[in-house]
Protein backbone atom coordinates (compact mmCIF):
# COMPACT_ATOMS: atom_id res chain seq x y z
CA MET A 1 29.45 99.00 -31.10
CA SER A 2 31.61 95.99 -30.28
CA SER A 3 31.09 94.06 -27.10
CA VAL A 4 34.01 93.47 -24.73
CA SER A 5 33.77 90.34 -22.63
CA VAL A 6 35.88 89.22 -19.68
CA VAL A 7 37.30 85.79 -20.50
CA GLU A 8 39.33 85.27 -17.31
CA GLU A 9 40.00 87.24 -14.14
CA LYS A 10 42.83 86.72 -11.67
CA GLY A 11 43.42 89.27 -8.94
CA SER A 12 43.36 92.71 -10.54
CA PHE A 13 44.09 91.35 -14.03
CA ARG A 14 41.49 90.54 -16.68
CA LEU A 15 41.86 88.77 -19.99
CA VAL A 16 39.30 90.41 -22.27
CA ALA A 17 38.09 89.70 -25.79
CA CYS A 18 36.46 91.87 -28.44
CA ASP A 19 35.85 91.03 -32.10
CA GLY A 20 38.39 88.20 -32.14
CA ARG A 21 41.06 90.33 -30.48
CA PHE A 22 42.40 89.80 -26.96
CA ALA A 23 44.02 92.04 -24.36
CA VAL A 24 45.00 92.05 -20.71
CA VAL A 25 43.87 94.94 -18.55
CA GLU A 26 44.43 95.75 -14.90
CA ALA A 27 41.49 97.07 -12.87
CA ARG A 28 42.18 99.40 -9.96
CA ALA A 29 40.06 102.00 -8.15
CA GLY A 30 37.32 102.10 -10.77
CA GLN A 31 39.72 102.40 -13.69
CA VAL A 32 41.31 99.97 -16.13
CA PHE A 33 44.82 100.14 -17.53
CA GLY A 34 46.28 98.41 -20.59
CA MET A 35 48.99 95.84 -20.03
CA PRO A 36 51.85 95.66 -20.43
CA GLN A 37 52.81 99.12 -19.30
CA ASP A 38 54.43 101.52 -21.71
CA PRO A 39 58.23 101.17 -21.87
CA ASP A 40 58.59 104.50 -20.04
CA GLY A 41 56.32 103.26 -17.22
CA GLY A 42 53.32 105.40 -18.10
CA ARG A 43 49.83 104.03 -18.47
CA ASP A 44 46.66 105.64 -19.73
CA GLY A 45 43.62 104.76 -17.66
CA ALA A 46 39.94 104.66 -18.55
CA ALA A 47 36.69 104.05 -16.73
CA ASP A 48 36.10 100.41 -15.72
CA THR A 49 33.46 99.86 -18.39
CA PRO A 50 33.39 97.81 -21.59
CA GLU A 51 34.01 101.02 -23.54
CA GLY A 52 36.94 101.91 -21.29
CA MET A 53 38.49 98.46 -21.70
CA GLU A 54 38.09 98.68 -25.47
CA SER A 55 39.76 102.09 -25.60
CA ILE A 56 42.90 101.18 -23.60
CA GLY A 57 43.35 97.51 -24.51
CA ARG A 58 46.62 96.61 -26.16
CA TRP A 59 44.91 94.25 -28.57
CA THR A 60 46.68 91.15 -29.84
CA GLY A 61 46.06 87.51 -30.64
CA GLU A 62 44.69 85.06 -28.09
CA GLU A 63 47.91 83.09 -27.58
CA GLU A 64 49.99 86.20 -26.82
CA ALA A 65 47.34 87.65 -24.49
CA ARG A 66 46.96 84.36 -22.59
CA ALA A 67 50.74 84.13 -22.16
CA LEU A 68 50.83 87.68 -20.77
CA MET A 69 47.93 86.91 -18.44
CA ALA A 70 49.71 83.80 -17.13
CA ASP A 71 52.95 85.72 -16.59
CA LEU A 72 51.28 88.61 -14.76
CA SER A 73 49.20 86.24 -12.62
CA GLN A 74 52.26 84.21 -11.64
CA ARG A 75 54.22 87.32 -10.68
CA GLY A 76 51.26 88.59 -8.65
CA ASP A 77 50.97 85.29 -6.79
CA GLU A 78 54.71 85.28 -6.02
CA LEU A 79 54.56 88.86 -4.71
CA ALA A 80 51.56 88.04 -2.53
CA ARG A 81 53.43 85.09 -0.98
CA ARG A 82 56.40 87.33 -0.10
CA ILE A 83 54.18 90.03 1.41
CA TRP A 84 52.25 87.60 3.61
């Protein structure tokens, strides 16, 4: 079995790695969801475990995953500033 590791965490978003692949997941209420969302807005969730992250990760290269993580983190920070 492959081992999923959390490379970076910012808010509810995690950059994860597994076997040279990278993905961004969002953790909420004991579940993880693959990012980005499906074009129709749906998301499949899984248990917040390494196996769950591996099953729902939208796996890609490191550069693309890091760019997505940066974008999602920036948007989350901007939203938090508007709310508070």
